[in-house]
Amino acid sequence: MKKTALIYIVEDSAPSAMLYQSYLDALGYKVRIFHTGLDALEVINDKIPDILIQDVQLPDISGLDILREVTTAELPTKTIIITSETELDYAVDATRHGAFDFIEKPFTKDRLLATVTNALREFELISTVKACSDAVDTEGFGEFIGHSTAMKLIYQIIKNVAPSNANVFITGESETGKELCASAIHETSKRAKGPFIPINCAAISKDLFESEIFGHVKGTFSGAVKDRTGAAEQASGGTMFLDEMCEMDLNLQAKLLRLIQSGTFQKVGSEEQQSVDIRFICATNRDPLAEVEEGRFREDLYYRLNVVPIELPSLKEREDDVMLIAAKLLDAFNTEMSKQFTEFSEAASALMLAYNWSGNCKM
């Protein structure tokens, strides 16, 4: 993580601005404070910050006006919105229009620093990809197929995040390849020789979920005729992939949070604490911040899992890949059905390129 990142704080309350600055100064960041939105905009145009931390309510213009300026100009800046409980609608709207994240007053030092760290990590990953994307010449990565700019970005993020133990939160439409992404991270990590344990949170009933994750001891409940090893124990030394994460019951989210925080768990019906070493990767096709706002997803769990966010593009965002995927599928069907088709007609190709794809094609 680069310690010379330039951070602007736009906050009309001088005491609050100085407090935030003290948190960031301690980590060696370069910090500059502005008390009005217009002053900040004037400087932003001359010297672009890596991170922009701004209050929604400013004495001259709205913080959302600054966000719109930054977004319209396509500045390489990650914007973090500071909001109050009564302004959450503005904050959620801001994230939909380009803000990296929002934090609600009052917030702790750790909460601010975690958000800044996440923003800088994504900023640096994207910067790395832009610097080397022209050098990346591949038709795929792992089980992914595609050489579009959008997918090259994903491949580079995977390569950068894989060597670490950071938890990853993957978002994207259904069938964009979230499990393929999780598997690629695992297979290119130092945990590759360990297990990769996928869990579909939507496919397991609430009553059985705790047993599936933590296991149980014989006789704990009706049907527990023998001890069961849960996914947490199975995944130790490797990676646990939690698909459809936003479908998990809130009570179960609290228990998962304890596992992530402490690295320990108890089997259902047991008083023995077991220690495990697990990297967590989760995925959802929903907007996780909206789920937090609606009270269906724990905010503390979200920030534990969302250390490195990855948003997978849908096929309609990667037009260069449509015919490449189609060709791979044609080869697969030729083999399966003993055919020798070599190419698509111009009409068929035109139809596929014009179609408004959602998700992706699965091999």
Protein backbone atom coordinates (compact mmCIF):
# COMPACT_ATOMS: atom_id res chain seq x y z
CA MET A 1 0.00 0.00 0.00
CA LYS A 2 1.53 3.29 -1.00
CA LYS A 3 2.11 5.65 1.94
CA THR A 4 2.45 8.80 -0.19
CA ALA A 5 -1.15 8.80 -1.40
CA LEU A 6 -2.66 12.27 -1.71
CA ILE A 7 -5.96 12.63 0.18
CA TYR A 8 -8.29 15.64 0.18
CA ILE A 9 -10.77 16.15 3.03
CA VAL A 10 -13.74 18.41 2.26
CA GLU A 11 -15.42 19.13 5.61
CA ASP A 12 -16.84 22.44 6.85
CA SER A 13 -16.31 21.48 10.51
CA ALA A 14 -12.70 22.36 11.31
CA PRO A 15 -12.46 20.11 14.42
CA SER A 16 -13.83 17.12 12.50
CA ALA A 17 -11.51 17.75 9.54
CA MET A 18 -8.48 17.99 11.82
CA LEU A 19 -9.47 14.77 13.60
CA TYR A 20 -9.73 12.88 10.30
CA GLN A 21 -6.40 14.36 9.22
CA SER A 22 -4.71 13.17 12.41
CA TYR A 23 -5.85 9.60 11.70
CA LEU A 24 -4.42 9.74 8.17
CA ASP A 25 -1.23 11.64 9.05
CA ALA A 26 -0.28 8.82 11.41
CA LEU A 27 -0.03 6.48 8.41
CA GLY A 28 2.07 8.87 6.36
CA TYR A 29 -0.53 10.01 3.84
CA LYS A 30 -0.39 13.51 2.35
CA VAL A 31 -3.56 15.24 3.50
CA ARG A 32 -5.09 18.59 2.57
CA ILE A 33 -8.25 20.09 4.11
CA PHE A 34 -10.92 22.21 2.40
CA HIS A 35 -13.89 23.78 4.17
CA THR A 36 -15.94 24.62 1.08
CA GLY A 37 -16.81 22.64 -2.02
CA LEU A 38 -15.80 25.36 -4.49
CA ASP A 39 -12.33 25.67 -2.95
CA ALA A 40 -11.88 21.91 -3.30
CA LEU A 41 -13.07 21.87 -6.92
CA GLU A 42 -10.64 24.63 -7.87
CA VAL A 43 -7.67 22.66 -6.54
CA ILE A 44 -8.89 19.25 -7.76
CA ASN A 45 -8.73 20.52 -11.34
CA ASP A 46 -5.04 21.36 -10.88
CA LYS A 47 -3.91 18.55 -8.60
CA ILE A 48 -5.95 15.34 -8.69
CA PRO A 49 -6.02 13.44 -5.36
CA ASP A 50 -5.96 9.67 -5.03
CA ILE A 51 -8.74 9.80 -2.42
CA LEU A 52 -11.42 12.42 -1.86
CA ILE A 53 -13.18 12.30 1.53
CA GLN A 54 -16.13 14.67 1.56
CA ASP A 55 -19.14 15.57 3.63
CA VAL A 56 -22.53 15.60 1.90
CA GLN A 57 -23.60 18.91 3.46
CA LEU A 58 -21.24 21.81 2.70
CA PRO A 59 -21.84 25.57 3.19
CA ASP A 60 -21.76 26.46 -0.52
CA ILE A 61 -22.55 23.42 -2.69
CA SER A 62 -23.57 19.84 -2.09
CA GLY A 63 -20.93 17.16 -1.80
CA LEU A 64 -22.85 15.37 -4.55
CA ASP A 65 -22.05 18.30 -6.86
CA ILE A 66 -18.35 17.62 -6.32
CA LEU A 67 -18.90 13.92 -6.99
CA ARG A 68 -20.67 14.74 -10.26
CA GLU A 69 -17.77 16.95 -11.34
CA VAL A 70 -15.24 14.22 -10.56
CA THR A 71 -17.30 11.53 -12.27
CA THR A 72 -18.06 13.61 -15.38
CA ALA A 73 -14.38 14.50 -15.78
CA GLU A 74 -13.50 10.80 -15.32
CA LEU A 75 -10.83 11.71 -12.77
CA PRO A 76 -8.88 8.76 -11.33
CA THR A 77 -10.05 9.56 -7.81
CA LYS A 78 -11.83 7.36 -5.28
CA THR A 79 -14.53 9.34 -3.48
CA ILE A 80 -15.64 8.48 0.06
CA ILE A 81 -18.83 10.20 1.24
CA ILE A 82 -19.30 11.23 4.88
CA THR A 83 -22.95 11.24 5.87
CA SER A 84 -25.30 11.32 8.83
CA GLU A 85 -28.16 8.96 9.56
CA THR A 86 -30.65 11.43 8.05
CA GLU A 87 -28.64 11.67 4.83
CA LEU A 88 -28.27 7.97 4.03
CA ASP A 89 -30.48 8.25 0.94
CA TYR A 90 -28.00 10.76 -0.50
CA ALA A 91 -25.08 8.48 0.34
CA VAL A 92 -26.61 5.40 -1.28
CA ASP A 93 -27.42 7.50 -4.35
CA ALA A 94 -23.81 8.71 -4.38
CA THR A 95 -22.45 5.16 -4.54
CA ARG A 96 -24.67 4.51 -7.53
CA HIS A 97 -23.19 7.54 -9.26
CA GLY A 98 -19.53 6.79 -8.78
CA ALA A 99 -18.65 7.14 -5.09
CA PHE A 100 -16.41 4.36 -3.84
CA ASP A 101 -18.16 4.11 -0.46
CA PHE A 102 -19.84 6.08 2.29
CA ILE A 103 -19.29 6.18 6.05
CA GLU A 104 -21.88 7.28 8.57
CA LYS A 105 -21.19 9.71 11.43
CA PRO A 106 -20.07 9.07 14.07
CA PHE A 107 -17.43 6.63 12.85
CA THR A 108 -14.30 5.23 14.44
CA LYS A 109 -10.70 5.70 13.39
CA ASP A 110 -10.56 2.04 12.33
CA ARG A 111 -13.67 2.45 10.16
CA LEU A 112 -12.19 5.44 8.32
CA LEU A 113 -8.79 3.84 7.83
CA ALA A 114 -10.30 0.55 6.61
CA THR A 115 -12.36 2.40 4.00
CA VAL A 116 -9.37 4.46 2.85
CA THR A 117 -7.22 1.31 2.67
CA ASN A 118 -9.82 -0.46 0.54
CA ALA A 119 -10.13 2.55 -1.76
CA LEU A 120 -6.38 2.85 -2.22
CA ARG A 121 -6.05 -0.86 -2.86
CA GLU A 122 -8.61 -0.70 -5.66
CA PHE A 123 -7.06 2.52 -6.98
CA GLU A 124 -3.64 0.91 -7.17
CA LEU A 125 -4.93 -2.30 -8.74
CA ILE A 126 -6.69 -0.35 -11.48
CA SER A 127 -3.62 1.84 -12.00
CA THR A 128 -1.45 -1.26 -12.35
CA VAL A 129 -3.80 -2.74 -14.91
CA LYS A 130 -3.92 0.46 -16.96
CA ALA A 131 -0.13 0.56 -16.98
CA CYS A 132 0.28 -2.98 -18.27
CA SER A 133 -3.00 -3.82 -20.02
CA ASP A 134 -1.44 -3.33 -23.45
CA ALA A 135 1.18 -5.92 -22.53
CA VAL A 136 -1.45 -8.50 -21.60
CA ASP A 137 -2.15 -10.65 -24.66
CA THR A 138 -4.34 -13.58 -23.70
CA GLU A 139 -7.62 -15.14 -24.77
CA GLY A 140 -8.43 -16.20 -21.23
CA PHE A 141 -7.33 -16.78 -17.69
CA GLY A 142 -8.07 -19.92 -15.69
CA GLU A 143 -11.46 -21.02 -16.99
CA PHE A 144 -12.39 -17.54 -18.16
CA ILE A 145 -12.65 -16.87 -21.89
CA GLY A 146 -12.07 -13.35 -23.15
CA HIS A 147 -9.47 -10.79 -24.20
CA SER A 148 -11.54 -7.61 -23.90
CA THR A 149 -10.17 -4.69 -21.92
CA ALA A 150 -12.79 -5.35 -19.23
CA MET A 151 -11.57 -8.93 -18.75
CA LYS A 152 -7.88 -8.01 -18.88
CA LEU A 153 -8.62 -5.76 -15.92
CA ILE A 154 -10.19 -8.69 -14.05
CA TYR A 155 -7.25 -10.98 -14.86
CA GLN A 156 -4.77 -8.43 -13.53
CA ILE A 157 -6.76 -7.86 -10.34
CA ILE A 158 -6.83 -11.63 -9.77
CA LYS A 159 -3.06 -11.83 -10.29
CA ASN A 160 -2.49 -8.99 -7.83
CA VAL A 161 -4.83 -10.18 -5.09
CA ALA A 162 -4.11 -13.92 -5.29
CA PRO A 163 -0.75 -13.91 -3.42
CA SER A 164 -2.26 -12.16 -0.39
CA ASN A 165 -4.63 -13.55 2.23
CA ALA A 166 -7.08 -10.67 1.79
CA ASN A 167 -10.77 -11.55 1.72
CA VAL A 168 -12.48 -10.82 -1.59
CA PHE A 169 -16.06 -9.75 -2.38
CA ILE A 170 -17.14 -10.52 -5.96
CA THR A 171 -20.21 -8.83 -7.44
CA GLY A 172 -21.84 -9.04 -10.85
CA GLU A 173 -24.89 -10.27 -12.71
CA SER A 174 -25.89 -13.94 -12.63
CA GLU A 175 -23.65 -16.15 -14.79
CA THR A 176 -20.81 -13.63 -15.06
CA GLY A 177 -18.43 -16.23 -13.61
CA LYS A 178 -18.19 -15.39 -9.92
CA GLU A 179 -17.23 -18.95 -8.92
CA LEU A 180 -14.73 -19.07 -11.80
CA CYS A 181 -13.19 -15.88 -10.42
CA ALA A 182 -13.02 -17.28 -6.89
CA SER A 183 -11.48 -20.51 -8.18
CA ALA A 184 -8.90 -18.58 -10.24
CA ILE A 185 -7.87 -16.58 -7.16
CA HIS A 186 -7.49 -19.80 -5.17
CA GLU A 187 -5.61 -21.66 -7.91
CA THR A 188 -3.06 -18.85 -8.34
CA SER A 189 -2.57 -18.29 -4.60
CA LYS A 190 -0.21 -19.90 -2.12
CA ARG A 191 -3.26 -21.85 -0.90
CA ALA A 192 -3.63 -23.66 -4.24
CA LYS A 193 -2.63 -27.02 -2.73
CA GLY A 194 -5.27 -26.58 -0.04
CA PRO A 195 -9.02 -27.19 -0.42
CA PHE A 196 -11.43 -24.93 -2.27
CA ILE A 197 -14.82 -25.29 -0.57
CA PRO A 198 -17.80 -23.65 -2.33
CA ILE A 199 -21.00 -23.00 -0.36
CA ASN A 200 -24.23 -21.83 -2.01
CA CYS A 201 -25.88 -19.80 0.74
CA ALA A 202 -29.21 -19.78 -1.11
CA ALA A 203 -29.37 -23.56 -1.53
CA ILE A 204 -29.05 -24.53 2.15
CA SER A 205 -32.02 -24.22 4.50
CA LYS A 206 -31.68 -21.92 7.51
CA ASP A 207 -32.08 -24.86 9.91
CA LEU A 208 -29.23 -26.83 8.35
CA PHE A 209 -26.88 -23.99 7.54
CA GLU A 210 -25.04 -23.89 10.87
CA SER A 211 -24.40 -27.61 10.68
CA GLU A 212 -23.17 -27.27 7.07
CA ILE A 213 -20.69 -24.56 8.01
CA PHE A 214 -19.55 -25.65 11.48
CA GLY A 215 -20.44 -29.34 11.57
CA HIS A 216 -22.15 -31.13 14.45
CA VAL A 217 -21.60 -33.89 16.96
CA LYS A 218 -23.55 -37.11 17.06
CA GLY A 219 -26.88 -36.94 18.85
CA THR A 220 -27.15 -33.13 18.85
CA PHE A 221 -30.50 -33.20 17.07
CA SER A 222 -32.82 -35.65 15.40
CA GLY A 223 -31.03 -37.13 12.41
CA ALA A 224 -27.51 -36.44 13.75
CA VAL A 225 -26.58 -40.12 13.74
CA LYS A 226 -22.84 -39.43 13.51
CA ASP A 227 -20.33 -36.60 13.85
CA ARG A 228 -20.22 -34.27 10.85
CA THR A 229 -17.25 -32.25 9.62
CA GLY A 230 -18.42 -28.82 8.50
CA ALA A 231 -17.19 -26.62 5.67
CA ALA A 232 -15.06 -24.48 8.00
CA GLU A 233 -12.98 -27.46 9.09
CA GLN A 234 -12.79 -28.79 5.53
CA ALA A 235 -11.59 -25.41 4.20
CA SER A 236 -8.76 -24.96 6.73
CA GLY A 237 -5.52 -24.26 4.89
CA GLY A 238 -7.47 -23.27 1.80
CA THR A 239 -10.34 -21.09 0.62
CA MET A 240 -14.05 -20.98 1.42
CA PHE A 241 -16.25 -19.53 -1.32
CA LEU A 242 -19.62 -18.24 -0.10
CA ASP A 243 -21.87 -17.76 -3.12
CA GLU A 244 -25.19 -15.85 -2.88
CA MET A 245 -23.81 -14.26 0.28
CA CYS A 246 -26.68 -11.81 0.69
CA GLU A 247 -29.12 -14.73 1.09
CA MET A 248 -27.62 -15.67 4.47
CA ASP A 249 -29.81 -15.22 7.56
CA LEU A 250 -28.73 -12.36 9.86
CA ASN A 251 -28.20 -14.64 12.87
CA LEU A 252 -25.95 -16.85 10.80
CA GLN A 253 -24.09 -13.78 9.55
CA ALA A 254 -23.20 -12.96 13.16
CA LYS A 255 -21.75 -16.45 13.67
CA LEU A 256 -19.81 -16.25 10.42
CA LEU A 257 -18.41 -12.88 11.52
CA ARG A 258 -17.06 -14.46 14.71
CA LEU A 259 -15.37 -17.17 12.63
CA ILE A 260 -13.74 -14.57 10.37
CA GLN A 261 -12.63 -12.39 13.30
CA SER A 262 -11.30 -15.10 15.58
CA GLY A 263 -10.46 -17.98 13.24
CA THR A 264 -12.24 -20.29 15.68
CA PHE A 265 -15.60 -22.06 15.79
CA GLN A 266 -17.56 -24.71 17.68
CA LYS A 267 -19.40 -27.61 16.15
CA VAL A 268 -23.11 -27.62 16.84
CA GLY A 269 -23.55 -29.46 20.14
CA SER A 270 -19.89 -29.14 21.15
CA GLU A 271 -18.16 -26.87 23.66
CA GLU A 272 -14.73 -27.40 22.10
CA GLN A 273 -13.18 -24.46 20.23
CA GLN A 274 -11.44 -25.37 16.99
CA SER A 275 -8.96 -23.14 15.19
CA VAL A 276 -8.85 -22.87 11.39
CA ASP A 277 -6.91 -20.94 8.75
CA ILE A 278 -9.30 -19.88 5.98
CA ARG A 279 -9.35 -17.29 3.24
CA PHE A 280 -12.88 -16.10 2.52
CA ILE A 281 -14.17 -15.19 -0.92
CA CYS A 282 -17.84 -14.34 -1.26
CA ALA A 283 -20.13 -13.34 -4.10
CA THR A 284 -23.56 -11.90 -4.78
CA ASN A 285 -25.60 -10.70 -7.76
CA ARG A 286 -27.21 -8.05 -5.55
CA ASP A 287 -25.93 -4.62 -4.52
CA PRO A 288 -24.36 -5.43 -1.11
CA LEU A 289 -24.37 -1.81 0.06
CA ALA A 290 -28.09 -1.59 -0.67
CA GLU A 291 -28.56 -4.79 1.34
CA VAL A 292 -26.66 -3.17 4.23
CA GLU A 293 -28.87 -0.11 3.99
CA GLU A 294 -32.02 -2.26 4.05
CA GLY A 295 -30.80 -4.10 7.14
CA ARG A 296 -30.51 -7.48 5.44
CA PHE A 297 -26.71 -7.63 5.50
CA ARG A 298 -24.52 -6.79 8.49
CA GLU A 299 -22.33 -3.76 7.89
CA ASP A 300 -19.47 -5.13 10.02
CA LEU A 301 -19.50 -8.40 8.09
CA TYR A 302 -19.57 -6.53 4.78
CA TYR A 303 -16.39 -4.61 5.65
CA ARG A 304 -14.67 -7.76 6.87
CA LEU A 305 -15.36 -9.47 3.55
CA ASN A 306 -15.04 -6.49 1.21
CA VAL A 307 -11.30 -6.05 1.64
CA VAL A 308 -10.77 -6.39 -2.11
CA PRO A 309 -13.90 -5.80 -4.21
CA ILE A 310 -14.15 -7.28 -7.72
CA GLU A 311 -17.04 -6.38 -10.02
CA LEU A 312 -17.35 -8.76 -12.94
CA PRO A 313 -18.61 -7.29 -16.22
CA SER A 314 -21.58 -8.79 -18.05
CA LEU A 315 -21.12 -10.01 -21.60
CA LYS A 316 -22.82 -6.87 -22.96
CA GLU A 317 -19.88 -4.92 -21.49
CA ARG A 318 -17.31 -7.11 -23.24
CA GLU A 319 -18.42 -7.11 -26.86
CA ASP A 320 -14.95 -8.09 -28.08
CA ASP A 321 -15.42 -11.45 -26.35
CA VAL A 322 -18.78 -12.50 -27.83
CA MET A 323 -17.41 -14.16 -30.95
CA LEU A 324 -14.43 -15.61 -29.09
CA ILE A 325 -16.78 -17.37 -26.64
CA ALA A 326 -19.02 -18.44 -29.52
CA ALA A 327 -16.04 -20.01 -31.30
CA LYS A 328 -15.04 -21.93 -28.16
CA LEU A 329 -18.59 -23.20 -27.79
CA LEU A 330 -18.68 -24.23 -31.46
CA ASP A 331 -15.49 -26.27 -30.96
CA ALA A 332 -16.97 -27.91 -27.86
CA PHE A 333 -20.23 -28.80 -29.64
CA ASN A 334 -18.31 -30.12 -32.67
CA THR A 335 -16.45 -32.51 -30.38
CA GLU A 336 -19.57 -33.52 -28.47
CA MET A 337 -21.72 -34.12 -31.57
CA SER A 338 -19.02 -35.24 -34.03
CA LYS A 339 -19.54 -32.28 -36.35
CA GLN A 340 -17.07 -30.25 -38.40
CA PHE A 341 -18.55 -26.72 -38.44
CA THR A 342 -15.76 -24.23 -38.90
CA GLU A 343 -17.38 -20.78 -38.59
CA PHE A 344 -20.57 -18.79 -38.20
CA SER A 345 -22.40 -17.14 -41.06
CA GLU A 346 -22.26 -13.36 -41.32
CA ALA A 347 -25.94 -13.18 -40.36
CA ALA A 348 -25.43 -15.33 -37.26
CA SER A 349 -22.40 -13.29 -36.21
CA ALA A 350 -24.32 -10.04 -36.67
CA LEU A 351 -27.20 -11.33 -34.53
CA MET A 352 -24.87 -12.34 -31.69
CA LEU A 353 -23.00 -9.03 -31.78
CA ALA A 354 -26.25 -7.04 -31.75
CA TYR A 355 -27.86 -9.01 -28.91
CA ASN A 356 -28.08 -7.29 -25.50
CA TRP A 357 -26.42 -10.04 -23.49
CA SER A 358 -26.95 -10.38 -19.76
CA GLY A 359 -24.63 -12.50 -17.65
CA ASN A 360 -22.33 -14.75 -19.65
CA CYS A 361 -22.30 -17.98 -21.58
CA LYS A 362 -21.30 -21.07 -19.61
CA MET A 363 -19.17 -23.76 -21.22
